Amino acid sequence: MSTFKWLTVLPFIGLLVGVYFANRVTPFVFGLPFLMFWCILWVVLTSIIMAIIYKTDPANKEGDGS
């Protein structure tokens, strides 16, 4: 498996494993409790990571003959 496809593991780690470490309320970020900010941050980061994977995947190159 290509190294850029290992990027798909990052959202899994960030949302499922990172929640245990980010489970706080006291530091507010943009008026949100930290855990809610953490989840929203990873939703945005997941979109960015998937866009990077899409752009770097050789199967998505233009002119494939289809």
PDB file of N, CA and C in Angstrom:
ATOM      1  N   MET A   1       0.847  -1.176   0.000  1.00  0.00           N
ATOM      2  CA  MET A   1       0.000   0.000   0.000  1.00  0.00           C
ATOM      3  C   MET A   1       0.886   1.231   0.000  1.00  0.00           C
ATOM      4  N   SER A   2       0.507   2.224  -0.771  1.00  0.00           N
ATOM      5  CA  SER A   2       1.310   3.442  -0.872  1.00  0.00           C
ATOM      6  C   SER A   2       1.326   4.200   0.446  1.00  0.00           C
ATOM      7  N   THR A   3       2.372   4.975   0.600  1.00  0.00           N
ATOM      8  CA  THR A   3       2.527   5.697   1.863  1.00  0.00           C
ATOM      9  C   THR A   3       1.463   6.772   2.046  1.00  0.00           C
ATOM     10  N   PHE A   4       0.994   7.388   0.957  1.00  0.00           N
ATOM     11  CA  PHE A   4      -0.021   8.418   1.135  1.00  0.00           C
ATOM     12  C   PHE A   4      -1.357   7.829   1.551  1.00  0.00           C
ATOM     13  N   LYS A   5      -1.581   6.557   1.272  1.00  0.00           N
ATOM     14  CA  LYS A   5      -2.827   5.936   1.710  1.00  0.00           C
ATOM     15  C   LYS A   5      -2.839   5.654   3.206  1.00  0.00           C
ATOM     16  N   TRP A   6      -1.679   5.673   3.817  1.00  0.00           N
ATOM     17  CA  TRP A   6      -1.622   5.548   5.269  1.00  0.00           C
ATOM     18  C   TRP A   6      -2.195   6.781   5.956  1.00  0.00           C
ATOM     19  N   LEU A   7      -2.382   7.866   5.191  1.00  0.00           N
ATOM     20  CA  LEU A   7      -3.014   9.060   5.740  1.00  0.00           C
ATOM     21  C   LEU A   7      -4.454   8.798   6.170  1.00  0.00           C
ATOM     22  N   THR A   8      -5.073   7.767   5.612  1.00  0.00           N
ATOM     23  CA  THR A   8      -6.454   7.457   5.987  1.00  0.00           C
ATOM     24  C   THR A   8      -6.564   6.988   7.434  1.00  0.00           C
ATOM     25  N   VAL A   9      -5.469   6.608   8.042  1.00  0.00           N
ATOM     26  CA  VAL A   9      -5.476   6.169   9.431  1.00  0.00           C
ATOM     27  C   VAL A   9      -5.529   7.363  10.387  1.00  0.00           C
ATOM     28  N   LEU A  10      -5.042   8.505   9.961  1.00  0.00           N
ATOM     29  CA  LEU A  10      -4.993   9.670  10.840  1.00  0.00           C
ATOM     30  C   LEU A  10      -6.363  10.118  11.365  1.00  0.00           C
ATOM     31  N   PRO A  11      -7.408  10.230  10.537  1.00  0.00           N
ATOM     32  CA  PRO A  11      -8.711  10.606  11.102  1.00  0.00           C
ATOM     33  C   PRO A  11      -9.243   9.586  12.108  1.00  0.00           C
ATOM     34  N   PHE A  12      -8.981   8.313  11.842  1.00  0.00           N
ATOM     35  CA  PHE A  12      -9.401   7.274  12.784  1.00  0.00           C
ATOM     36  C   PHE A  12      -8.733   7.480  14.135  1.00  0.00           C
ATOM     37  N   ILE A  13      -7.445   7.710  14.111  1.00  0.00           N
ATOM     38  CA  ILE A  13      -6.716   7.925  15.359  1.00  0.00           C
ATOM     39  C   ILE A  13      -7.162   9.227  16.025  1.00  0.00           C
ATOM     40  N   GLY A  14      -7.326  10.274  15.226  1.00  0.00           N
ATOM     41  CA  GLY A  14      -7.699  11.570  15.784  1.00  0.00           C
ATOM     42  C   GLY A  14      -9.069  11.587  16.426  1.00  0.00           C
ATOM     43  N   LEU A  15     -10.043  10.921  15.796  1.00  0.00           N
ATOM     44  CA  LEU A  15     -11.401  10.952  16.326  1.00  0.00           C
ATOM     45  C   LEU A  15     -11.663   9.904  17.394  1.00  0.00           C
ATOM     46  N   LEU A  16     -11.122   8.744  17.234  1.00  0.00           N
ATOM     47  CA  LEU A  16     -11.437   7.689  18.201  1.00  0.00           C
ATOM     48  C   LEU A  16     -10.452   7.609  19.360  1.00  0.00           C
ATOM     49  N   VAL A  17      -9.190   7.686  19.075  1.00  0.00           N
ATOM     50  CA  VAL A  17      -8.191   7.574  20.136  1.00  0.00           C
ATOM     51  C   VAL A  17      -7.934   8.935  20.779  1.00  0.00           C
ATOM     52  N   GLY A  18      -7.913   9.978  19.975  1.00  0.00           N
ATOM     53  CA  GLY A  18      -7.623  11.313  20.488  1.00  0.00           C
ATOM     54  C   GLY A  18      -8.672  11.866  21.423  1.00  0.00           C
ATOM     55  N   VAL A  19      -9.912  11.359  21.332  1.00  0.00           N
ATOM     56  CA  VAL A  19     -10.981  11.842  22.197  1.00  0.00           C
ATOM     57  C   VAL A  19     -10.681  11.533  23.657  1.00  0.00           C
ATOM     58  N   TYR A  20     -10.036  10.449  23.918  1.00  0.00           N
ATOM     59  CA  TYR A  20      -9.694  10.113  25.301  1.00  0.00           C
ATOM     60  C   TYR A  20      -8.717  11.123  25.903  1.00  0.00           C
ATOM     61  N   PHE A  21      -7.858  11.664  25.076  1.00  0.00           N
ATOM     62  CA  PHE A  21      -6.898  12.647  25.561  1.00  0.00           C
ATOM     63  C   PHE A  21      -7.464  14.065  25.534  1.00  0.00           C
ATOM     64  N   ALA A  22      -8.436  14.314  24.685  1.00  0.00           N
ATOM     65  CA  ALA A  22      -9.009  15.650  24.540  1.00  0.00           C
ATOM     66  C   ALA A  22     -10.299  15.816  25.336  1.00  0.00           C
ATOM     67  N   ASN A  23     -10.627  14.888  26.178  1.00  0.00           N
ATOM     68  CA  ASN A  23     -11.880  14.916  26.911  1.00  0.00           C
ATOM     69  C   ASN A  23     -11.806  15.920  28.062  1.00  0.00           C
ATOM     70  N   ARG A  24     -11.860  17.197  27.697  1.00  0.00           N
ATOM     71  CA  ARG A  24     -11.830  18.288  28.677  1.00  0.00           C
ATOM     72  C   ARG A  24     -12.909  19.291  28.296  1.00  0.00           C
ATOM     73  N   VAL A  25     -13.339  20.050  29.263  1.00  0.00           N
ATOM     74  CA  VAL A  25     -14.309  21.098  28.995  1.00  0.00           C
ATOM     75  C   VAL A  25     -13.690  22.466  29.219  1.00  0.00           C
ATOM     76  N   THR A  26     -12.789  22.571  30.171  1.00  0.00           N
ATOM     77  CA  THR A  26     -12.321  23.879  30.629  1.00  0.00           C
ATOM     78  C   THR A  26     -11.639  24.743  29.581  1.00  0.00           C
ATOM     79  N   PRO A  27     -10.712  24.282  28.761  1.00  0.00           N
ATOM     80  CA  PRO A  27     -10.190  25.238  27.774  1.00  0.00           C
ATOM     81  C   PRO A  27     -11.203  25.423  26.640  1.00  0.00           C
ATOM     82  N   PHE A  28     -11.687  26.636  26.505  1.00  0.00           N
ATOM     83  CA  PHE A  28     -12.629  26.950  25.430  1.00  0.00           C
ATOM     84  C   PHE A  28     -11.857  27.469  24.226  1.00  0.00           C
ATOM     85  N   VAL A  29     -12.189  26.945  23.057  1.00  0.00           N
ATOM     86  CA  VAL A  29     -11.569  27.372  21.815  1.00  0.00           C
ATOM     87  C   VAL A  29     -12.691  27.879  20.912  1.00  0.00           C
ATOM     88  N   PHE A  30     -12.614  29.142  20.516  1.00  0.00           N
ATOM     89  CA  PHE A  30     -13.657  29.789  19.715  1.00  0.00           C
ATOM     90  C   PHE A  30     -15.025  29.674  20.375  1.00  0.00           C
ATOM     91  N   GLY A  31     -15.066  29.692  21.689  1.00  0.00           N
ATOM     92  CA  GLY A  31     -16.325  29.617  22.427  1.00  0.00           C
ATOM     93  C   GLY A  31     -16.888  28.219  22.570  1.00  0.00           C
ATOM     94  N   LEU A  32     -16.163  27.212  22.105  1.00  0.00           N
ATOM     95  CA  LEU A  32     -16.621  25.831  22.187  1.00  0.00           C
ATOM     96  C   LEU A  32     -15.819  25.087  23.250  1.00  0.00           C
ATOM     97  N   PRO A  33     -16.443  24.120  23.922  1.00  0.00           N
ATOM     98  CA  PRO A  33     -15.656  23.245  24.784  1.00  0.00           C
ATOM     99  C   PRO A  33     -14.603  22.512  23.958  1.00  0.00           C
ATOM    100  N   PHE A  34     -13.505  22.172  24.580  1.00  0.00           N
ATOM    101  CA  PHE A  34     -12.370  21.622  23.838  1.00  0.00           C
ATOM    102  C   PHE A  34     -12.728  20.345  23.095  1.00  0.00           C
ATOM    103  N   LEU A  35     -13.536  19.473  23.686  1.00  0.00           N
ATOM    104  CA  LEU A  35     -13.883  18.218  23.022  1.00  0.00           C
ATOM    105  C   LEU A  35     -14.702  18.460  21.759  1.00  0.00           C
ATOM    106  N   MET A  36     -15.618  19.409  21.799  1.00  0.00           N
ATOM    107  CA  MET A  36     -16.400  19.726  20.613  1.00  0.00           C
ATOM    108  C   MET A  36     -15.513  20.343  19.528  1.00  0.00           C
ATOM    109  N   PHE A  37     -14.609  21.213  19.936  1.00  0.00           N
ATOM    110  CA  PHE A  37     -13.648  21.779  18.987  1.00  0.00           C
ATOM    111  C   PHE A  37     -12.791  20.685  18.368  1.00  0.00           C
ATOM    112  N   TRP A  38     -12.352  19.728  19.162  1.00  0.00           N
ATOM    113  CA  TRP A  38     -11.525  18.618  18.681  1.00  0.00           C
ATOM    114  C   TRP A  38     -12.255  17.817  17.603  1.00  0.00           C
ATOM    115  N   CYS A  39     -13.540  17.510  17.838  1.00  0.00           N
ATOM    116  CA  CYS A  39     -14.321  16.737  16.863  1.00  0.00           C
ATOM    117  C   CYS A  39     -14.525  17.530  15.570  1.00  0.00           C
ATOM    118  N   ILE A  40     -14.847  18.812  15.688  1.00  0.00           N
ATOM    119  CA  ILE A  40     -15.028  19.646  14.501  1.00  0.00           C
ATOM    120  C   ILE A  40     -13.717  19.785  13.742  1.00  0.00           C
ATOM    121  N   LEU A  41     -12.621  19.949  14.461  1.00  0.00           N
ATOM    122  CA  LEU A  41     -11.302  20.049  13.833  1.00  0.00           C
ATOM    123  C   LEU A  41     -10.998  18.804  13.012  1.00  0.00           C
ATOM    124  N   TRP A  42     -11.293  17.628  13.538  1.00  0.00           N
ATOM    125  CA  TRP A  42     -10.993  16.404  12.813  1.00  0.00           C
ATOM    126  C   TRP A  42     -11.931  16.163  11.645  1.00  0.00           C
ATOM    127  N   VAL A  43     -13.139  16.685  11.693  1.00  0.00           N
ATOM    128  CA  VAL A  43     -14.020  16.605  10.527  1.00  0.00           C
ATOM    129  C   VAL A  43     -13.423  17.424   9.385  1.00  0.00           C
ATOM    130  N   VAL A  44     -12.933  18.614   9.699  1.00  0.00           N
ATOM    131  CA  VAL A  44     -12.305  19.462   8.679  1.00  0.00           C
ATOM    132  C   VAL A  44     -11.003  18.832   8.186  1.00  0.00           C
ATOM    133  N   LEU A  45     -10.182  18.343   9.111  1.00  0.00           N
ATOM    134  CA  LEU A  45      -8.910  17.715   8.724  1.00  0.00           C
ATOM    135  C   LEU A  45      -9.130  16.458   7.889  1.00  0.00           C
ATOM    136  N   THR A  46     -10.191  15.710   8.172  1.00  0.00           N
ATOM    137  CA  THR A  46     -10.490  14.527   7.376  1.00  0.00           C
ATOM    138  C   THR A  46     -10.776  14.910   5.931  1.00  0.00           C
ATOM    139  N   SER A  47     -11.510  15.992   5.731  1.00  0.00           N
ATOM    140  CA  SER A  47     -11.786  16.457   4.371  1.00  0.00           C
ATOM    141  C   SER A  47     -10.506  16.861   3.652  1.00  0.00           C
ATOM    142  N   ILE A  48      -9.627  17.540   4.360  1.00  0.00           N
ATOM    143  CA  ILE A  48      -8.355  17.960   3.764  1.00  0.00           C
ATOM    144  C   ILE A  48      -7.487  16.752   3.432  1.00  0.00           C
ATOM    145  N   ILE A  49      -7.423  15.797   4.341  1.00  0.00           N
ATOM    146  CA  ILE A  49      -6.615  14.590   4.109  1.00  0.00           C
ATOM    147  C   ILE A  49      -7.155  13.792   2.928  1.00  0.00           C
ATOM    148  N   MET A  50      -8.473  13.652   2.841  1.00  0.00           N
ATOM    149  CA  MET A  50      -9.052  12.923   1.715  1.00  0.00           C
ATOM    150  C   MET A  50      -8.816  13.644   0.393  1.00  0.00           C
ATOM    151  N   ALA A  51      -8.807  14.965   0.400  1.00  0.00           N
ATOM    152  CA  ALA A  51      -8.507  15.719  -0.823  1.00  0.00           C
ATOM    153  C   ALA A  51      -7.060  15.494  -1.243  1.00  0.00           C
ATOM    154  N   ILE A  52      -6.149  15.447  -0.280  1.00  0.00           N
ATOM    155  CA  ILE A  52      -4.738  15.178  -0.588  1.00  0.00           C
ATOM    156  C   ILE A  52      -4.584  13.783  -1.178  1.00  0.00           C
ATOM    157  N   ILE A  53      -5.261  12.822  -0.598  1.00  0.00           N
ATOM    158  CA  ILE A  53      -5.183  11.452  -1.113  1.00  0.00           C
ATOM    159  C   ILE A  53      -5.758  11.390  -2.530  1.00  0.00           C
ATOM    160  N   TYR A  54      -6.861  12.065  -2.764  1.00  0.00           N
ATOM    161  CA  TYR A  54      -7.471  12.069  -4.091  1.00  0.00           C
ATOM    162  C   TYR A  54      -6.538  12.689  -5.126  1.00  0.00           C
ATOM    163  N   LYS A  55      -5.891  13.793  -4.771  1.00  0.00           N
ATOM    164  CA  LYS A  55      -5.003  14.477  -5.719  1.00  0.00           C
ATOM    165  C   LYS A  55      -3.736  13.676  -6.007  1.00  0.00           C
ATOM    166  N   THR A  56      -3.249  12.911  -5.047  1.00  0.00           N
ATOM    167  CA  THR A  56      -1.996  12.184  -5.230  1.00  0.00           C
ATOM    168  C   THR A  56      -2.195  10.744  -5.705  1.00  0.00           C
ATOM    169  N   ASP A  57      -3.427  10.270  -5.756  1.00  0.00           N
ATOM    170  CA  ASP A  57      -3.691   8.903  -6.189  1.00  0.00           C
ATOM    171  C   ASP A  57      -3.514   8.795  -7.702  1.00  0.00           C
ATOM    172  N   PRO A  58      -2.651   7.907  -8.174  1.00  0.00           N
ATOM    173  CA  PRO A  58      -2.424   7.782  -9.616  1.00  0.00           C
ATOM    174  C   PRO A  58      -3.662   7.318 -10.382  1.00  0.00           C
ATOM    175  N   ALA A  59      -4.605   6.678  -9.739  1.00  0.00           N
ATOM    176  CA  ALA A  59      -5.810   6.214 -10.422  1.00  0.00           C
ATOM    177  C   ALA A  59      -6.727   7.368 -10.796  1.00  0.00           C
ATOM    178  N   ASN A  60      -6.509   8.543 -10.229  1.00  0.00           N
ATOM    179  CA  ASN A  60      -7.379   9.692 -10.512  1.00  0.00           C
ATOM    180  C   ASN A  60      -6.753  10.670 -11.491  1.00  0.00           C
ATOM    181  N   LYS A  61      -5.698  10.280 -12.164  1.00  0.00           N
ATOM    182  CA  LYS A  61      -5.053  11.169 -13.139  1.00  0.00           C
ATOM    183  C   LYS A  61      -5.945  11.349 -14.366  1.00  0.00           C
ATOM    184  N   GLU A  62      -5.829  12.509 -14.988  1.00  0.00           N
ATOM    185  CA  GLU A  62      -6.626  12.790 -16.193  1.00  0.00           C
ATOM    186  C   GLU A  62      -6.060  12.025 -17.393  1.00  0.00           C
ATOM    187  N   GLY A  63      -6.939  11.713 -18.331  1.00  0.00           N
ATOM    188  CA  GLY A  63      -6.529  11.041 -19.554  1.00  0.00           C
ATOM    189  C   GLY A  63      -6.240   9.564 -19.388  1.00  0.00           C
ATOM    190  N   ASP A  64      -7.025   8.889 -18.559  1.00  0.00           N
ATOM    191  CA  ASP A  64      -6.825   7.473 -18.328  1.00  0.00           C
ATOM    192  C   ASP A  64      -7.365   6.586 -19.452  1.00  0.00           C
ATOM    193  N   GLY A  65      -8.045   7.150 -20.422  1.00  0.00           N
ATOM    194  CA  GLY A  65      -8.573   6.364 -21.506  1.00  0.00           C
ATOM    195  C   GLY A  65      -9.991   5.886 -21.265  1.00  0.00           C
ATOM    196  N   SER A  66     -10.628   6.362 -20.242  1.00  0.00           N
ATOM    197  CA  SER A  66     -12.022   5.969 -20.007  1.00  0.00           C
ATOM    198  C   SER A  66     -12.974   7.030 -20.484  1.00  0.00           C
TER     199      SER A  66
END
